N, C-alpha and C. Protein backbone atom coordinates (compact mmCIF):
# COMPACT_ATOMS: atom_id res chain seq x y z
N MET A 1 212.50 -175.63 -16.98
CA MET A 1 211.66 -175.20 -15.89
C MET A 1 210.25 -175.64 -16.34
N ARG A 2 209.56 -176.29 -15.13
CA ARG A 2 208.12 -176.67 -15.36
C ARG A 2 207.21 -175.39 -14.76
N VAL A 3 206.46 -174.89 -15.88
CA VAL A 3 205.59 -173.83 -15.61
C VAL A 3 204.02 -174.27 -15.66
N LEU A 4 203.47 -173.95 -14.60
CA LEU A 4 201.85 -174.17 -14.72
C LEU A 4 201.25 -172.88 -14.75
N VAL A 5 200.35 -172.67 -15.71
CA VAL A 5 199.70 -171.49 -15.88
C VAL A 5 198.16 -171.77 -15.51
N THR A 6 197.69 -171.03 -14.66
CA THR A 6 196.14 -171.22 -14.45
C THR A 6 195.49 -169.99 -15.15
N GLY A 7 194.30 -170.29 -15.41
CA GLY A 7 193.44 -169.47 -16.16
C GLY A 7 193.92 -169.34 -17.74
N SER A 8 194.43 -170.68 -18.16
CA SER A 8 195.01 -170.65 -19.64
C SER A 8 194.07 -170.40 -20.75
N LEU A 9 192.83 -170.52 -20.46
CA LEU A 9 192.03 -170.08 -21.65
C LEU A 9 191.75 -168.73 -21.68
N GLY A 10 192.08 -167.90 -20.76
CA GLY A 10 191.73 -166.56 -20.74
C GLY A 10 192.65 -165.71 -21.51
N GLN A 11 192.56 -164.42 -21.92
CA GLN A 11 193.20 -163.55 -22.67
C GLN A 11 194.79 -163.65 -22.25
N LEU A 12 195.18 -163.29 -20.90
CA LEU A 12 196.50 -163.41 -20.52
C LEU A 12 197.02 -164.60 -20.30
N GLY A 13 196.24 -165.73 -19.92
CA GLY A 13 196.74 -166.95 -19.57
C GLY A 13 197.17 -167.62 -21.04
N SER A 14 196.32 -167.57 -22.01
CA SER A 14 196.69 -168.21 -23.30
C SER A 14 197.87 -167.56 -24.07
N GLU A 15 198.19 -166.39 -23.74
CA GLU A 15 199.32 -165.68 -23.99
C GLU A 15 200.46 -166.19 -23.36
N PHE A 16 200.53 -166.39 -22.16
CA PHE A 16 201.60 -166.89 -21.37
C PHE A 16 201.89 -168.34 -22.01
N VAL A 17 200.80 -169.03 -22.05
CA VAL A 17 201.05 -170.62 -22.48
C VAL A 17 201.64 -170.60 -23.89
N GLY A 18 201.16 -169.74 -24.79
CA GLY A 18 201.83 -169.58 -26.17
C GLY A 18 203.32 -169.20 -25.96
N GLN A 19 203.46 -168.09 -25.46
CA GLN A 19 204.86 -167.57 -25.30
C GLN A 19 205.89 -168.51 -24.69
N LEU A 20 205.51 -168.99 -23.47
CA LEU A 20 206.45 -169.90 -22.79
C LEU A 20 206.40 -171.24 -23.57
N GLY A 21 205.32 -171.73 -24.21
CA GLY A 21 205.46 -172.99 -24.87
C GLY A 21 206.41 -172.87 -26.03
N ALA A 22 206.61 -171.85 -26.61
CA ALA A 22 207.64 -171.45 -27.69
C ALA A 22 209.15 -171.72 -27.36
N ARG A 23 209.35 -171.59 -25.96
CA ARG A 23 210.76 -171.75 -25.47
C ARG A 23 211.01 -173.18 -25.25
N GLU A 24 212.03 -173.68 -25.89
CA GLU A 24 212.37 -175.05 -25.60
C GLU A 24 212.93 -175.47 -24.22
N SER A 25 213.43 -174.37 -23.43
CA SER A 25 213.78 -174.67 -22.20
C SER A 25 212.78 -174.85 -21.09
N ASP A 26 211.48 -174.48 -21.52
CA ASP A 26 210.36 -174.68 -20.55
C ASP A 26 209.49 -175.69 -20.85
N HIS A 27 208.83 -176.51 -19.92
CA HIS A 27 207.72 -177.43 -20.13
C HIS A 27 206.50 -176.71 -19.29
N VAL A 28 205.52 -176.29 -20.33
CA VAL A 28 204.35 -175.60 -19.83
C VAL A 28 203.02 -176.33 -19.85
N LEU A 29 202.47 -176.36 -18.81
CA LEU A 29 201.18 -176.81 -18.79
C LEU A 29 200.04 -175.63 -18.36
N GLY A 30 199.13 -175.62 -19.20
CA GLY A 30 198.05 -174.64 -18.86
C GLY A 30 196.84 -175.18 -18.46
N LEU A 31 196.19 -174.67 -17.43
CA LEU A 31 194.99 -175.42 -16.93
C LEU A 31 193.88 -174.33 -16.76
N ASP A 32 192.72 -174.75 -16.93
CA ASP A 32 191.61 -173.82 -16.62
C ASP A 32 190.35 -174.50 -16.19
N ARG A 33 189.32 -173.83 -15.81
CA ARG A 33 188.09 -174.43 -15.52
C ARG A 33 187.83 -175.62 -16.39
N PRO A 34 187.21 -176.77 -16.23
CA PRO A 34 187.19 -177.51 -14.93
C PRO A 34 188.19 -178.26 -14.40
N GLU A 35 189.47 -178.22 -15.19
CA GLU A 35 190.56 -178.96 -14.99
C GLU A 35 191.15 -178.76 -13.49
N ILE A 36 191.04 -177.42 -13.27
CA ILE A 36 191.54 -176.90 -11.83
C ILE A 36 190.63 -175.88 -11.16
N ASP A 37 190.28 -176.04 -9.91
CA ASP A 37 189.65 -175.00 -9.29
C ASP A 37 190.56 -174.50 -8.23
N ILE A 38 191.11 -173.25 -8.46
CA ILE A 38 192.12 -172.77 -7.69
C ILE A 38 191.57 -172.35 -6.26
N THR A 39 190.28 -172.39 -5.99
CA THR A 39 189.71 -172.37 -4.52
C THR A 39 189.71 -173.56 -3.82
N ASP A 40 190.02 -174.60 -4.48
CA ASP A 40 189.99 -175.99 -3.89
C ASP A 40 191.24 -176.56 -3.53
N PRO A 41 191.76 -176.72 -2.53
CA PRO A 41 193.16 -177.21 -2.16
C PRO A 41 193.47 -178.50 -2.76
N GLU A 42 192.46 -179.43 -2.60
CA GLU A 42 192.60 -180.85 -3.25
C GLU A 42 192.71 -180.71 -4.78
N SER A 43 191.91 -179.70 -5.30
CA SER A 43 191.95 -179.73 -6.89
C SER A 43 193.41 -179.21 -7.28
N VAL A 44 193.88 -178.26 -6.45
CA VAL A 44 195.26 -177.58 -6.75
C VAL A 44 196.40 -178.66 -6.58
N ALA A 45 196.15 -179.46 -5.32
CA ALA A 45 197.15 -180.58 -5.00
C ALA A 45 197.15 -181.52 -5.96
N SER A 46 196.14 -181.95 -6.46
CA SER A 46 195.97 -182.91 -7.72
C SER A 46 196.89 -182.42 -8.81
N ALA A 47 196.77 -181.19 -9.16
CA ALA A 47 197.39 -180.59 -10.24
C ALA A 47 199.00 -180.60 -10.00
N PHE A 48 199.34 -180.39 -8.85
CA PHE A 48 200.66 -180.12 -8.36
C PHE A 48 201.29 -181.78 -8.51
N ARG A 49 200.49 -182.67 -7.81
CA ARG A 49 200.97 -184.15 -7.91
C ARG A 49 201.35 -184.41 -9.48
N GLY A 50 200.48 -184.14 -10.25
CA GLY A 50 200.49 -184.76 -11.77
C GLY A 50 201.61 -183.79 -12.51
N PHE A 51 201.94 -182.65 -12.10
CA PHE A 51 202.87 -181.86 -12.79
C PHE A 51 204.23 -181.47 -12.13
N ALA A 52 204.16 -181.12 -10.96
CA ALA A 52 205.16 -180.76 -10.06
C ALA A 52 205.85 -179.57 -10.68
N PRO A 53 205.08 -178.35 -10.63
CA PRO A 53 205.59 -177.13 -11.19
C PRO A 53 206.72 -176.52 -10.65
N ASP A 54 207.76 -175.90 -10.89
CA ASP A 54 208.88 -175.04 -10.34
C ASP A 54 207.97 -173.53 -10.21
N VAL A 55 207.40 -173.25 -11.23
CA VAL A 55 206.56 -171.72 -11.17
C VAL A 55 205.22 -172.04 -11.51
N VAL A 56 204.38 -171.26 -10.83
CA VAL A 56 202.97 -171.29 -11.08
C VAL A 56 202.63 -169.87 -11.46
N ILE A 57 202.18 -169.50 -12.59
CA ILE A 57 201.55 -168.25 -13.12
C ILE A 57 200.11 -168.16 -12.88
N ASN A 58 199.60 -167.54 -12.10
CA ASN A 58 198.08 -167.54 -11.88
C ASN A 58 197.61 -166.19 -12.73
N CYS A 59 196.82 -166.73 -13.72
CA CYS A 59 196.07 -165.79 -14.41
C CYS A 59 194.47 -166.02 -14.29
N ALA A 60 194.33 -166.95 -13.30
CA ALA A 60 192.82 -167.22 -13.27
C ALA A 60 192.14 -166.22 -12.13
N ALA A 61 191.05 -165.69 -12.58
CA ALA A 61 190.60 -164.65 -11.95
C ALA A 61 189.04 -164.38 -12.18
N TRP A 62 188.27 -163.59 -11.38
CA TRP A 62 187.03 -163.13 -11.59
C TRP A 62 187.31 -161.86 -12.42
N THR A 63 186.92 -161.74 -13.59
CA THR A 63 187.29 -160.66 -14.42
C THR A 63 186.28 -159.93 -14.97
N ALA A 64 185.10 -160.20 -14.75
CA ALA A 64 184.02 -159.47 -15.10
C ALA A 64 183.65 -158.35 -13.91
N VAL A 65 184.22 -157.07 -14.28
CA VAL A 65 183.91 -155.97 -13.37
C VAL A 65 182.71 -155.67 -12.74
N ASP A 66 181.71 -155.32 -13.76
CA ASP A 66 180.59 -155.23 -13.17
C ASP A 66 179.81 -156.43 -12.46
N ASP A 67 180.22 -157.37 -13.01
CA ASP A 67 179.67 -158.81 -12.31
C ASP A 67 180.21 -158.88 -10.81
N ALA A 68 181.26 -158.49 -10.76
CA ALA A 68 181.88 -158.62 -9.35
C ALA A 68 181.28 -157.80 -8.31
N GLU A 69 180.53 -156.76 -8.84
CA GLU A 69 179.70 -155.91 -7.80
C GLU A 69 178.42 -156.52 -7.34
N THR A 70 177.79 -157.27 -8.44
CA THR A 70 176.74 -158.02 -8.26
C THR A 70 176.89 -159.23 -7.34
N HIS A 71 177.88 -160.00 -7.69
CA HIS A 71 178.47 -161.30 -6.94
C HIS A 71 179.66 -161.04 -6.12
N GLU A 72 179.63 -160.32 -5.15
CA GLU A 72 180.83 -159.68 -4.53
C GLU A 72 181.57 -160.83 -3.76
N ALA A 73 180.71 -161.80 -3.13
CA ALA A 73 181.34 -162.84 -2.27
C ALA A 73 181.99 -163.76 -3.18
N ALA A 74 181.34 -164.27 -4.14
CA ALA A 74 182.05 -165.05 -5.41
C ALA A 74 183.29 -164.54 -6.01
N ALA A 75 183.15 -163.14 -6.11
CA ALA A 75 184.29 -162.58 -6.93
C ALA A 75 185.57 -162.78 -5.87
N LEU A 76 185.17 -162.18 -4.61
CA LEU A 76 186.22 -162.21 -3.39
C LEU A 76 186.69 -163.70 -3.29
N HIS A 77 185.96 -164.74 -3.48
CA HIS A 77 186.41 -166.13 -3.20
C HIS A 77 187.50 -166.39 -4.22
N VAL A 78 187.05 -166.19 -5.58
CA VAL A 78 188.03 -166.52 -6.59
C VAL A 78 189.24 -165.57 -6.52
N ASN A 79 189.15 -164.39 -6.39
CA ASN A 79 190.48 -163.31 -6.46
C ASN A 79 191.16 -163.26 -5.34
N ALA A 80 190.71 -163.86 -4.03
CA ALA A 80 191.41 -163.88 -2.88
C ALA A 80 191.67 -165.15 -2.30
N GLU A 81 190.65 -165.96 -2.20
CA GLU A 81 190.91 -167.50 -1.62
C GLU A 81 191.80 -168.05 -2.67
N GLY A 82 191.48 -168.03 -4.07
CA GLY A 82 192.12 -168.85 -5.07
C GLY A 82 193.62 -168.59 -4.86
N PRO A 83 194.33 -167.12 -4.81
CA PRO A 83 195.64 -166.94 -4.71
C PRO A 83 196.22 -167.57 -3.50
N ARG A 84 195.34 -167.46 -2.38
CA ARG A 84 195.75 -168.09 -1.09
C ARG A 84 196.06 -169.50 -1.07
N VAL A 85 195.11 -170.19 -1.85
CA VAL A 85 195.30 -171.79 -1.93
C VAL A 85 196.45 -172.00 -2.70
N LEU A 86 196.67 -171.34 -4.02
CA LEU A 86 197.86 -171.49 -4.70
C LEU A 86 199.19 -171.08 -4.07
N ALA A 87 199.15 -169.96 -3.23
CA ALA A 87 200.41 -169.77 -2.52
C ALA A 87 200.87 -170.87 -1.35
N ALA A 88 199.72 -171.30 -0.81
CA ALA A 88 199.97 -172.44 0.12
C ALA A 88 200.58 -173.64 -0.56
N ALA A 89 200.07 -173.98 -1.76
CA ALA A 89 200.43 -175.15 -2.41
C ALA A 89 201.89 -174.82 -2.98
N CYS A 90 202.15 -173.72 -3.34
CA CYS A 90 203.55 -173.47 -3.96
C CYS A 90 204.51 -173.45 -2.77
N SER A 91 204.34 -172.98 -1.72
CA SER A 91 205.05 -172.89 -0.53
C SER A 91 205.42 -174.48 -0.17
N ALA A 92 204.31 -175.25 -0.02
CA ALA A 92 204.64 -176.63 0.20
C ALA A 92 205.52 -177.53 -0.66
N ALA A 93 205.51 -176.91 -1.97
CA ALA A 93 206.00 -177.65 -3.07
C ALA A 93 207.41 -177.12 -3.36
N GLY A 94 207.71 -175.77 -2.87
CA GLY A 94 208.99 -175.23 -3.04
C GLY A 94 208.84 -174.50 -4.48
N ALA A 95 207.69 -174.21 -4.97
CA ALA A 95 207.54 -173.60 -6.15
C ALA A 95 207.26 -172.05 -6.01
N TRP A 96 207.74 -171.27 -7.08
CA TRP A 96 207.33 -169.92 -7.15
C TRP A 96 206.01 -169.65 -7.68
N LEU A 97 205.39 -168.57 -7.03
CA LEU A 97 203.97 -168.01 -7.52
C LEU A 97 204.21 -166.76 -8.09
N VAL A 98 203.72 -166.72 -9.28
CA VAL A 98 203.52 -165.35 -9.96
C VAL A 98 202.06 -164.78 -10.07
N GLN A 99 201.90 -163.99 -9.23
CA GLN A 99 200.30 -163.77 -8.99
C GLN A 99 200.14 -162.40 -9.87
N ILE A 100 199.14 -162.66 -10.92
CA ILE A 100 198.74 -161.50 -11.70
C ILE A 100 197.66 -160.76 -11.12
N SER A 101 197.55 -159.49 -10.96
CA SER A 101 196.46 -158.86 -10.40
C SER A 101 195.99 -157.64 -11.38
N THR A 102 195.35 -156.43 -10.79
CA THR A 102 194.93 -155.39 -11.54
C THR A 102 195.00 -154.11 -10.60
N ASP A 103 195.19 -153.20 -11.36
CA ASP A 103 195.13 -151.73 -10.62
C ASP A 103 194.05 -151.49 -9.70
N TYR A 104 192.90 -152.28 -9.88
CA TYR A 104 191.77 -151.95 -9.03
C TYR A 104 192.01 -152.39 -7.59
N VAL A 105 192.95 -152.95 -7.38
CA VAL A 105 193.40 -153.21 -5.78
C VAL A 105 193.73 -151.85 -5.00
N PHE A 106 194.11 -150.89 -5.90
CA PHE A 106 194.40 -149.49 -5.27
C PHE A 106 193.38 -148.54 -5.49
N ALA A 107 193.44 -147.56 -4.95
CA ALA A 107 192.28 -146.46 -4.97
C ALA A 107 192.74 -145.58 -6.31
N GLY A 108 193.89 -145.39 -6.74
CA GLY A 108 194.03 -144.98 -8.02
C GLY A 108 194.32 -143.36 -7.95
N ASP A 109 194.56 -143.00 -6.56
CA ASP A 109 194.94 -141.43 -6.28
C ASP A 109 196.30 -141.24 -6.03
N ALA A 110 197.19 -142.04 -6.25
CA ALA A 110 198.67 -141.88 -5.82
C ALA A 110 199.44 -140.95 -7.00
N SER A 111 200.28 -140.16 -6.40
CA SER A 111 201.04 -139.16 -7.28
C SER A 111 202.18 -139.84 -7.69
N ALA A 112 202.48 -140.99 -7.39
CA ALA A 112 203.77 -141.68 -7.88
C ALA A 112 203.45 -143.22 -8.03
N PRO A 113 204.13 -143.85 -8.71
CA PRO A 113 204.04 -145.41 -9.01
C PRO A 113 203.91 -146.06 -7.47
N TYR A 114 203.03 -147.02 -7.37
CA TYR A 114 202.75 -147.69 -6.35
C TYR A 114 204.11 -148.55 -6.04
N ALA A 115 204.46 -148.67 -4.72
CA ALA A 115 205.70 -149.67 -4.29
C ALA A 115 205.03 -150.90 -4.07
N ILE A 116 205.93 -151.91 -4.27
CA ILE A 116 205.58 -153.23 -4.15
C ILE A 116 204.86 -153.80 -2.92
N ASP A 117 205.23 -152.86 -1.75
CA ASP A 117 204.51 -153.12 -0.40
C ASP A 117 203.52 -152.22 -0.23
N ALA A 118 203.00 -151.48 -1.21
CA ALA A 118 201.76 -150.55 -0.83
C ALA A 118 200.63 -151.43 -0.47
N ALA A 119 199.78 -150.74 0.51
CA ALA A 119 198.62 -151.47 1.03
C ALA A 119 197.57 -151.16 0.02
N PRO A 120 196.68 -152.40 -0.27
CA PRO A 120 195.62 -152.39 -1.19
C PRO A 120 194.62 -151.36 -0.54
N ALA A 121 193.95 -150.73 -1.37
CA ALA A 121 192.71 -149.74 -1.04
C ALA A 121 191.69 -149.89 -2.16
N PRO A 122 190.98 -150.96 -2.32
CA PRO A 122 190.25 -151.09 -3.42
C PRO A 122 188.99 -150.24 -3.36
N ARG A 123 188.48 -149.79 -4.39
CA ARG A 123 187.25 -148.88 -4.34
C ARG A 123 185.88 -149.86 -4.72
N SER A 124 186.22 -150.95 -5.25
CA SER A 124 185.13 -151.71 -5.65
C SER A 124 185.31 -153.26 -5.31
N ALA A 125 184.27 -154.12 -5.53
CA ALA A 125 184.55 -155.48 -5.39
C ALA A 125 185.44 -156.22 -6.41
N TYR A 126 185.59 -155.49 -7.56
CA TYR A 126 186.48 -156.04 -8.41
C TYR A 126 187.98 -155.97 -8.04
């Protein structure tokens, strides 16, 4: 299986690259800025042309919580537009997308675990 990990220099992305890279059955490519800009369709298309992934694990994100409040538009661009661009590229290529997210997309006041189709209700830009 050919696995593309975006955000590969981050805490989670580097762990995915290390763990999956240790498996002989998988061919793993980790990309981070500036090798790929997940918000740019051409940058993503170029990565897909060069690697042809079966699966994309998106660990790329705006992860600075306080900074997201100060730079709300930029954080939204990375954390919403980026996954949209990746999803479109995966759909066109017949690849699976694994989107890593955060519990901050929910209000945090549920009395039971959130269902997979639960509507987001973020309390902040992060």
